[in-house]
């Protein structure tokens, strides 16, 4: 099996090195990742500048690896088309530093890389460690292997991928796996105004996740699952059509 590993934290991140190590147990791994961190870039692709591919030697793992001066989606597109010449059996993105829960998936470069694999017709997974402080990605790497093996055994519908979030707790504290829907993740966002050396204003976006209500925590969401030390797996699909509302919108235009 030929596996394309990518991420949004950059080619030097500990998470992608762990993922490459773990996935090497079950197949031939090629890494294509941004040359620097590209978190929260969503599904952006590069159209107005050339992309460059540079071979990289990753520490502690003997795999073919490349840095790309583009976005996570760029890395998957060029990884599949150019580096691996369309001979790819699986795209797996991560291991992300921090959660990709609920509405995070809209902004996430990690999830967008897996979505790009999905668009290209390749089974795809995004995996995240639910912590910005922990540097221990070893158990999340084990989870990546287990999820991949199940995926290969059972398959995915066309146009679907798996989003996986692993709590950053010791392995013995993990209660199990829950397959759950996306929750609603809200942020208290603030733009901080500062002045540059010439006195011109600029702004930094900051924000922390708003604490989820007790009612939300009782629901079958990824946010609730990880808070209770379950691994959360959510199948996501590309079709964003709101089918139950189509007839209602069509009725607005009857007779036109």
C-alpha atoms as a PDB file:
ATOM      1  CA  UNK A   1       0.000   0.000   0.000  1.00  0.00           C
ATOM      2  CA  UNK A   2       1.227   3.497  -0.887  1.00  0.00           C
ATOM      3  CA  UNK A   3       0.387   6.162   1.688  1.00  0.00           C
ATOM      4  CA  UNK A   4       0.636   9.933   1.293  1.00  0.00           C
ATOM      5  CA  UNK A   5       1.176  11.661   4.652  1.00  0.00           C
ATOM      6  CA  UNK A   6       0.576  15.394   4.964  1.00  0.00           C
ATOM      7  CA  UNK A   7      -0.385  18.036   7.536  1.00  0.00           C
ATOM      8  CA  UNK A   8      -0.800  21.764   8.172  1.00  0.00           C
ATOM      9  CA  UNK A   9       1.727  22.143  11.021  1.00  0.00           C
ATOM     10  CA  UNK A  10       4.658  21.915   8.616  1.00  0.00           C
ATOM     11  CA  UNK A  11       7.248  19.385   7.536  1.00  0.00           C
ATOM     12  CA  UNK A  12       9.243  19.668  10.783  1.00  0.00           C
ATOM     13  CA  UNK A  13       6.381  19.046  13.188  1.00  0.00           C
ATOM     14  CA  UNK A  14       6.598  16.177  15.658  1.00  0.00           C
ATOM     15  CA  UNK A  15       3.106  15.041  14.727  1.00  0.00           C
ATOM     16  CA  UNK A  16       3.928  14.328  11.094  1.00  0.00           C
ATOM     17  CA  UNK A  17       7.140  12.526  12.030  1.00  0.00           C
ATOM     18  CA  UNK A  18       5.183  10.271  14.396  1.00  0.00           C
ATOM     19  CA  UNK A  19       2.518   9.679  11.740  1.00  0.00           C
ATOM     20  CA  UNK A  20       5.141   8.731   9.158  1.00  0.00           C
ATOM     21  CA  UNK A  21       6.738   6.315  11.644  1.00  0.00           C
ATOM     22  CA  UNK A  22       3.403   4.717  12.529  1.00  0.00           C
ATOM     23  CA  UNK A  23       2.092   4.398   8.984  1.00  0.00           C
ATOM     24  CA  UNK A  24       5.389   2.849   7.846  1.00  0.00           C
ATOM     25  CA  UNK A  25       4.276  -0.268   9.718  1.00  0.00           C
ATOM     26  CA  UNK A  26       1.521  -0.931   7.198  1.00  0.00           C
ATOM     27  CA  UNK A  27       2.739   0.495   3.911  1.00  0.00           C
ATOM     28  CA  UNK A  28       5.150   2.561   1.847  1.00  0.00           C
ATOM     29  CA  UNK A  29       5.018   6.144   3.112  1.00  0.00           C
ATOM     30  CA  UNK A  30       5.706   9.347   1.200  1.00  0.00           C
ATOM     31  CA  UNK A  31       5.481  12.664   3.076  1.00  0.00           C
ATOM     32  CA  UNK A  32       4.501  15.935   1.384  1.00  0.00           C
ATOM     33  CA  UNK A  33       3.941  18.808   3.776  1.00  0.00           C
ATOM     34  CA  UNK A  34       4.133  22.608   3.887  1.00  0.00           C
ATOM     35  CA  UNK A  35       7.597  24.096   4.353  1.00  0.00           C
ATOM     36  CA  UNK A  36       6.253  26.041   7.349  1.00  0.00           C
ATOM     37  CA  UNK A  37       3.129  26.051   9.489  1.00  0.00           C
ATOM     38  CA  UNK A  38      -0.063  26.649   7.506  1.00  0.00           C
ATOM     39  CA  UNK A  39      -2.676  26.125  10.219  1.00  0.00           C
ATOM     40  CA  UNK A  40      -6.214  27.468   9.664  1.00  0.00           C
ATOM     41  CA  UNK A  41      -5.683  27.953   5.926  1.00  0.00           C
ATOM     42  CA  UNK A  42      -8.769  25.930   5.113  1.00  0.00           C
ATOM     43  CA  UNK A  43      -8.910  24.577   1.576  1.00  0.00           C
ATOM     44  CA  UNK A  44      -6.876  27.335  -0.068  1.00  0.00           C
ATOM     45  CA  UNK A  45      -4.796  26.399  -3.113  1.00  0.00           C
ATOM     46  CA  UNK A  46      -1.979  28.360  -4.747  1.00  0.00           C
ATOM     47  CA  UNK A  47      -2.718  29.879  -8.153  1.00  0.00           C
ATOM     48  CA  UNK A  48      -0.576  33.007  -8.377  1.00  0.00           C
ATOM     49  CA  UNK A  49       2.939  31.814  -7.603  1.00  0.00           C
ATOM     50  CA  UNK A  50       5.005  28.741  -8.526  1.00  0.00           C
ATOM     51  CA  UNK A  51       5.131  25.781  -6.187  1.00  0.00           C
ATOM     52  CA  UNK A  52       8.509  24.298  -5.338  1.00  0.00           C
ATOM     53  CA  UNK A  53       9.200  20.792  -4.054  1.00  0.00           C
ATOM     54  CA  UNK A  54      12.302  20.205  -1.943  1.00  0.00           C
ATOM     55  CA  UNK A  55      13.480  16.773  -0.692  1.00  0.00           C
ATOM     56  CA  UNK A  56      13.820  16.625   3.079  1.00  0.00           C
ATOM     57  CA  UNK A  57      15.423  14.150   5.481  1.00  0.00           C
ATOM     58  CA  UNK A  58      13.117  13.610   8.435  1.00  0.00           C
ATOM     59  CA  UNK A  59      14.634  12.625  11.793  1.00  0.00           C
ATOM     60  CA  UNK A  60      13.999   9.165  13.243  1.00  0.00           C
ATOM     61  CA  UNK A  61      12.147   7.787  10.206  1.00  0.00           C
ATOM     62  CA  UNK A  62      13.410   6.472   6.883  1.00  0.00           C
ATOM     63  CA  UNK A  63      10.790   7.619   4.373  1.00  0.00           C
ATOM     64  CA  UNK A  64      10.702   9.692   1.221  1.00  0.00           C
ATOM     65  CA  UNK A  65       9.761  13.231   2.272  1.00  0.00           C
ATOM     66  CA  UNK A  66       9.291  16.604   0.586  1.00  0.00           C
ATOM     67  CA  UNK A  67       8.518  20.149   1.661  1.00  0.00           C
ATOM     68  CA  UNK A  68       6.230  22.280  -0.504  1.00  0.00           C
ATOM     69  CA  UNK A  69       5.958  26.058  -0.371  1.00  0.00           C
ATOM     70  CA  UNK A  70       2.185  25.899  -0.448  1.00  0.00           C
ATOM     71  CA  UNK A  71      -0.941  25.021   1.496  1.00  0.00           C
ATOM     72  CA  UNK A  72      -1.966  21.598   2.835  1.00  0.00           C
ATOM     73  CA  UNK A  73      -4.335  21.137  -0.118  1.00  0.00           C
ATOM     74  CA  UNK A  74      -1.472  22.047  -2.480  1.00  0.00           C
ATOM     75  CA  UNK A  75       0.662  19.370  -0.833  1.00  0.00           C
ATOM     76  CA  UNK A  76      -1.934  16.684  -1.494  1.00  0.00           C
ATOM     77  CA  UNK A  77      -2.567  17.768  -5.080  1.00  0.00           C
ATOM     78  CA  UNK A  78       1.114  17.943  -5.997  1.00  0.00           C
ATOM     79  CA  UNK A  79       1.914  14.905  -3.857  1.00  0.00           C
ATOM     80  CA  UNK A  80      -0.597  12.776  -5.739  1.00  0.00           C
ATOM     81  CA  UNK A  81      -0.017  14.166  -9.238  1.00  0.00           C
ATOM     82  CA  UNK A  82       3.733  14.835  -9.294  1.00  0.00           C
ATOM     83  CA  UNK A  83       5.532  13.097  -6.437  1.00  0.00           C
ATOM     84  CA  UNK A  84       3.602   9.821  -6.360  1.00  0.00           C
ATOM     85  CA  UNK A  85       2.371   9.931  -9.967  1.00  0.00           C
ATOM     86  CA  UNK A  86      -1.214   9.079  -8.968  1.00  0.00           C
ATOM     87  CA  UNK A  87      -0.231   5.758  -7.384  1.00  0.00           C
ATOM     88  CA  UNK A  88      -1.736   6.500  -3.959  1.00  0.00           C
ATOM     89  CA  UNK A  89      -3.919   4.162  -1.914  1.00  0.00           C
ATOM     90  CA  UNK A  90      -4.480   6.366   1.140  1.00  0.00           C
ATOM     91  CA  UNK A  91      -4.115  10.006   2.167  1.00  0.00           C
ATOM     92  CA  UNK A  92      -3.707  10.635   5.893  1.00  0.00           C
ATOM     93  CA  UNK A  93      -3.247  14.098   7.371  1.00  0.00           C
ATOM     94  CA  UNK A  94      -1.823  14.945  10.797  1.00  0.00           C
ATOM     95  CA  UNK A  95      -1.096  14.305  13.519  1.00  0.00           C
ATOM     96  CA  UNK A  96      -2.389  17.801  14.160  1.00  0.00           C
ATOM     97  CA  UNK A  97      -1.279  19.679  17.270  1.00  0.00           C
ATOM     98  CA  UNK A  98      -4.620  20.686  18.740  1.00  0.00           C
ATOM     99  CA  UNK A  99      -8.220  19.628  18.134  1.00  0.00           C
ATOM    100  CA  UNK A 100     -10.194  19.696  14.914  1.00  0.00           C
ATOM    101  CA  UNK A 101     -13.659  19.454  16.387  1.00  0.00           C
ATOM    102  CA  UNK A 102     -17.040  20.629  15.175  1.00  0.00           C
ATOM    103  CA  UNK A 103     -16.876  23.710  12.999  1.00  0.00           C
ATOM    104  CA  UNK A 104     -13.058  23.679  13.218  1.00  0.00           C
ATOM    105  CA  UNK A 105     -13.147  21.407  10.175  1.00  0.00           C
ATOM    106  CA  UNK A 106     -14.178  24.361   7.989  1.00  0.00           C
ATOM    107  CA  UNK A 107     -10.982  26.273   8.789  1.00  0.00           C
ATOM    108  CA  UNK A 108      -8.592  23.383   9.342  1.00  0.00           C
ATOM    109  CA  UNK A 109      -5.719  22.833   6.935  1.00  0.00           C
ATOM    110  CA  UNK A 110      -5.328  19.318   8.337  1.00  0.00           C
ATOM    111  CA  UNK A 111      -8.896  18.356   7.489  1.00  0.00           C
ATOM    112  CA  UNK A 112      -8.712  20.190   4.153  1.00  0.00           C
ATOM    113  CA  UNK A 113      -5.725  18.057   3.143  1.00  0.00           C
ATOM    114  CA  UNK A 114      -7.837  14.944   3.748  1.00  0.00           C
ATOM    115  CA  UNK A 115     -10.735  16.546   1.876  1.00  0.00           C
ATOM    116  CA  UNK A 116      -8.443  17.105  -1.109  1.00  0.00           C
ATOM    117  CA  UNK A 117      -7.540  13.425  -1.062  1.00  0.00           C
ATOM    118  CA  UNK A 118     -11.248  12.660  -0.978  1.00  0.00           C
ATOM    119  CA  UNK A 119     -11.880  14.961  -3.967  1.00  0.00           C
ATOM    120  CA  UNK A 120      -9.209  13.024  -5.857  1.00  0.00           C
ATOM    121  CA  UNK A 121     -11.062   9.780  -5.133  1.00  0.00           C
ATOM    122  CA  UNK A 122      -8.581   8.453  -2.555  1.00  0.00           C
ATOM    123  CA  UNK A 123      -9.620   7.089   0.873  1.00  0.00           C
ATOM    124  CA  UNK A 124      -8.605   9.791   3.347  1.00  0.00           C
ATOM    125  CA  UNK A 125      -8.255  10.389   7.089  1.00  0.00           C
ATOM    126  CA  UNK A 126      -7.517  13.461   9.222  1.00  0.00           C
ATOM    127  CA  UNK A 127      -6.191  12.854  12.735  1.00  0.00           C
ATOM    128  CA  UNK A 128      -5.599  15.323  15.570  1.00  0.00           C
ATOM    129  CA  UNK A 129      -4.296  15.241  19.128  1.00  0.00           C
ATOM    130  CA  UNK A 130      -6.584  17.324  21.333  1.00  0.00           C
ATOM    131  CA  UNK A 131      -3.825  19.381  22.984  1.00  0.00           C
ATOM    132  CA  UNK A 132      -1.582  22.331  22.154  1.00  0.00           C
ATOM    133  CA  UNK A 133       0.823  21.491  24.977  1.00  0.00           C
ATOM    134  CA  UNK A 134       1.513  17.756  24.623  1.00  0.00           C
ATOM    135  CA  UNK A 135       4.406  16.572  22.460  1.00  0.00           C
ATOM    136  CA  UNK A 136       3.584  12.878  22.892  1.00  0.00           C
ATOM    137  CA  UNK A 137       1.956  11.765  19.644  1.00  0.00           C
ATOM    138  CA  UNK A 138       2.768   8.065  20.089  1.00  0.00           C
ATOM    139  CA  UNK A 139      -0.697   6.855  21.077  1.00  0.00           C
ATOM    140  CA  UNK A 140      -2.352   8.967  18.387  1.00  0.00           C
ATOM    141  CA  UNK A 141      -0.014   7.201  15.955  1.00  0.00           C
ATOM    142  CA  UNK A 142      -1.344   3.841  17.161  1.00  0.00           C
ATOM    143  CA  UNK A 143      -4.891   5.090  16.655  1.00  0.00           C
ATOM    144  CA  UNK A 144      -4.016   6.184  13.116  1.00  0.00           C
ATOM    145  CA  UNK A 145      -2.862   2.663  12.284  1.00  0.00           C
ATOM    146  CA  UNK A 146      -5.960   1.049  13.814  1.00  0.00           C
ATOM    147  CA  UNK A 147      -8.351   3.403  12.023  1.00  0.00           C
ATOM    148  CA  UNK A 148      -6.551   2.881   8.713  1.00  0.00           C
ATOM    149  CA  UNK A 149      -6.679  -0.889   9.037  1.00  0.00           C
ATOM    150  CA  UNK A 150     -10.436  -0.771   9.709  1.00  0.00           C
ATOM    151  CA  UNK A 151     -10.927   1.612   6.772  1.00  0.00           C
ATOM    152  CA  UNK A 152      -9.045  -0.690   4.423  1.00  0.00           C
ATOM    153  CA  UNK A 153     -11.051  -3.668   5.655  1.00  0.00           C
ATOM    154  CA  UNK A 154     -14.477  -2.062   5.293  1.00  0.00           C
ATOM    155  CA  UNK A 155     -14.001   0.813   2.831  1.00  0.00           C
ATOM    156  CA  UNK A 156     -15.513   4.297   2.649  1.00  0.00           C
ATOM    157  CA  UNK A 157     -18.314   5.634   0.477  1.00  0.00           C
ATOM    158  CA  UNK A 158     -17.063   7.747  -2.411  1.00  0.00           C
ATOM    159  CA  UNK A 159     -16.838  11.370  -1.340  1.00  0.00           C
ATOM    160  CA  UNK A 160     -16.370  10.537   2.352  1.00  0.00           C
ATOM    161  CA  UNK A 161     -13.469  10.773   4.788  1.00  0.00           C
ATOM    162  CA  UNK A 162     -12.874  10.198   8.499  1.00  0.00           C
ATOM    163  CA  UNK A 163     -12.063  12.952  10.994  1.00  0.00           C
ATOM    164  CA  UNK A 164     -10.386  11.546  14.118  1.00  0.00           C
ATOM    165  CA  UNK A 165      -9.667  13.365  17.399  1.00  0.00           C
ATOM    166  CA  UNK A 166      -7.592  11.682  20.128  1.00  0.00           C
ATOM    167  CA  UNK A 167      -7.703  12.986  23.717  1.00  0.00           C
ATOM    168  CA  UNK A 168      -4.264  13.869  25.090  1.00  0.00           C
ATOM    169  CA  UNK A 169      -4.444  11.580  28.118  1.00  0.00           C
ATOM    170  CA  UNK A 170      -2.509   8.423  29.006  1.00  0.00           C
ATOM    171  CA  UNK A 171      -3.565   5.396  26.971  1.00  0.00           C
ATOM    172  CA  UNK A 172      -5.015   3.639  29.994  1.00  0.00           C
ATOM    173  CA  UNK A 173      -7.414   6.572  30.541  1.00  0.00           C
ATOM    174  CA  UNK A 174      -8.956   6.301  27.064  1.00  0.00           C
ATOM    175  CA  UNK A 175     -12.479   4.918  27.490  1.00  0.00           C
ATOM    176  CA  UNK A 176     -12.896   3.721  23.919  1.00  0.00           C
ATOM    177  CA  UNK A 177     -13.984   4.970  20.513  1.00  0.00           C
ATOM    178  CA  UNK A 178     -17.200   6.834  19.713  1.00  0.00           C
ATOM    179  CA  UNK A 179     -18.479   7.503  16.214  1.00  0.00           C
ATOM    180  CA  UNK A 180     -20.235  10.836  16.588  1.00  0.00           C
ATOM    181  CA  UNK A 181     -21.452  13.851  14.640  1.00  0.00           C
ATOM    182  CA  UNK A 182     -19.722  17.210  14.453  1.00  0.00           C
ATOM    183  CA  UNK A 183     -20.554  19.599  17.261  1.00  0.00           C
ATOM    184  CA  UNK A 184     -20.735  23.394  17.165  1.00  0.00           C
ATOM    185  CA  UNK A 185     -17.458  24.921  18.323  1.00  0.00           C
ATOM    186  CA  UNK A 186     -17.660  28.589  19.200  1.00  0.00           C
ATOM    187  CA  UNK A 187     -14.845  31.051  19.839  1.00  0.00           C
ATOM    188  CA  UNK A 188     -14.616  34.298  21.778  1.00  0.00           C
ATOM    189  CA  UNK A 189     -12.774  36.164  19.022  1.00  0.00           C
ATOM    190  CA  UNK A 190     -11.068  39.507  19.472  1.00  0.00           C
ATOM    191  CA  UNK A 191      -8.963  41.614  17.148  1.00  0.00           C
ATOM    192  CA  UNK A 192      -6.095  43.256  19.029  1.00  0.00           C
ATOM    193  CA  UNK A 193      -5.026  46.565  17.545  1.00  0.00           C
ATOM    194  CA  UNK A 194      -1.328  47.466  17.531  1.00  0.00           C
ATOM    195  CA  UNK A 195       0.860  50.025  15.805  1.00  0.00           C
ATOM    196  CA  UNK A 196       3.844  49.262  13.630  1.00  0.00           C
ATOM    197  CA  UNK A 197       7.124  51.216  13.773  1.00  0.00           C
ATOM    198  CA  UNK A 198       5.658  53.839  11.446  1.00  0.00           C
ATOM    199  CA  UNK A 199       2.570  54.329  13.567  1.00  0.00           C
ATOM    200  CA  UNK A 200       0.207  52.495  11.227  1.00  0.00           C
ATOM    201  CA  UNK A 201      -2.344  50.152  12.837  1.00  0.00           C
ATOM    202  CA  UNK A 202      -2.423  46.405  12.330  1.00  0.00           C
ATOM    203  CA  UNK A 203      -4.519  43.683  13.927  1.00  0.00           C
ATOM    204  CA  UNK A 204      -3.962  40.238  15.463  1.00  0.00           C
ATOM    205  CA  UNK A 205      -6.891  37.842  15.659  1.00  0.00           C
ATOM    206  CA  UNK A 206      -7.034  36.043  18.999  1.00  0.00           C
ATOM    207  CA  UNK A 207      -9.694  33.860  20.528  1.00  0.00           C
ATOM    208  CA  UNK A 208     -10.327  30.908  22.775  1.00  0.00           C
ATOM    209  CA  UNK A 209     -12.977  28.234  22.497  1.00  0.00           C
ATOM    210  CA  UNK A 210     -16.072  29.118  24.485  1.00  0.00           C
ATOM    211  CA  UNK A 211     -16.820  26.538  27.155  1.00  0.00           C
ATOM    212  CA  UNK A 212     -19.457  24.163  25.866  1.00  0.00           C
ATOM    213  CA  UNK A 213     -22.775  24.154  27.743  1.00  0.00           C
ATOM    214  CA  UNK A 214     -23.815  21.214  29.887  1.00  0.00           C
ATOM    215  CA  UNK A 215     -26.682  20.535  27.476  1.00  0.00           C
ATOM    216  CA  UNK A 216     -24.276  20.296  24.541  1.00  0.00           C
ATOM    217  CA  UNK A 217     -22.040  17.954  26.507  1.00  0.00           C
ATOM    218  CA  UNK A 218     -24.879  15.432  26.758  1.00  0.00           C
ATOM    219  CA  UNK A 219     -25.189  15.200  22.983  1.00  0.00           C
ATOM    220  CA  UNK A 220     -23.559  12.683  20.655  1.00  0.00           C
ATOM    221  CA  UNK A 221     -20.938  15.132  19.347  1.00  0.00           C
ATOM    222  CA  UNK A 222     -17.190  14.944  18.859  1.00  0.00           C
ATOM    223  CA  UNK A 223     -16.742  17.761  21.402  1.00  0.00           C
ATOM    224  CA  UNK A 224     -18.597  15.845  24.102  1.00  0.00           C
ATOM    225  CA  UNK A 225     -16.826  12.560  23.285  1.00  0.00           C
ATOM    226  CA  UNK A 226     -13.258  13.866  23.655  1.00  0.00           C
ATOM    227  CA  UNK A 227     -14.168  15.717  26.854  1.00  0.00           C
ATOM    228  CA  UNK A 228     -15.111  12.324  28.304  1.00  0.00           C
ATOM    229  CA  UNK A 229     -11.810  10.752  27.113  1.00  0.00           C
ATOM    230  CA  UNK A 230     -13.249   8.939  24.116  1.00  0.00           C
ATOM    231  CA  UNK A 231     -11.563   8.925  20.722  1.00  0.00           C
ATOM    232  CA  UNK A 232     -14.020  10.724  18.445  1.00  0.00           C
ATOM    233  CA  UNK A 233     -14.445   9.591  14.841  1.00  0.00           C
ATOM    234  CA  UNK A 234     -16.737  11.506  12.509  1.00  0.00           C
ATOM    235  CA  UNK A 235     -17.429  10.491   8.900  1.00  0.00           C
ATOM    236  CA  UNK A 236     -17.543  13.653   6.758  1.00  0.00           C
ATOM    237  CA  UNK A 237     -18.733  13.888   3.166  1.00  0.00           C
ATOM    238  CA  UNK A 238     -18.273  16.436   0.417  1.00  0.00           C
ATOM    239  CA  UNK A 239     -21.914  16.979  -0.493  1.00  0.00           C
ATOM    240  CA  UNK A 240     -22.985  20.114   1.410  1.00  0.00           C
ATOM    241  CA  UNK A 241     -26.467  20.174  -0.122  1.00  0.00           C
ATOM    242  CA  UNK A 242     -29.262  20.702   2.435  1.00  0.00           C
ATOM    243  CA  UNK A 243     -31.681  18.249   0.848  1.00  0.00           C
ATOM    244  CA  UNK A 244     -34.631  18.715   3.272  1.00  0.00           C
ATOM    245  CA  UNK A 245     -34.744  22.444   2.435  1.00  0.00           C
ATOM    246  CA  UNK A 246     -34.587  22.155  -1.358  1.00  0.00           C
ATOM    247  CA  UNK A 247     -38.351  21.957  -1.866  1.00  0.00           C
ATOM    248  CA  UNK A 248     -38.898  24.973   0.378  1.00  0.00           C
ATOM    249  CA  UNK A 249     -36.491  27.112  -1.634  1.00  0.00           C
ATOM    250  CA  UNK A 250     -37.987  25.847  -4.905  1.00  0.00           C
ATOM    251  CA  UNK A 251     -41.420  26.997  -3.684  1.00  0.00           C
ATOM    252  CA  UNK A 252     -40.119  30.565  -3.466  1.00  0.00           C
ATOM    253  CA  UNK A 253     -39.734  30.637  -7.226  1.00  0.00           C
ATOM    254  CA  UNK A 254     -42.854  28.802  -8.410  1.00  0.00           C
ATOM    255  CA  UNK A 255     -44.467  30.508 -11.358  1.00  0.00           C
ATOM    256  CA  UNK A 256     -41.265  32.261 -12.425  1.00  0.00           C
END
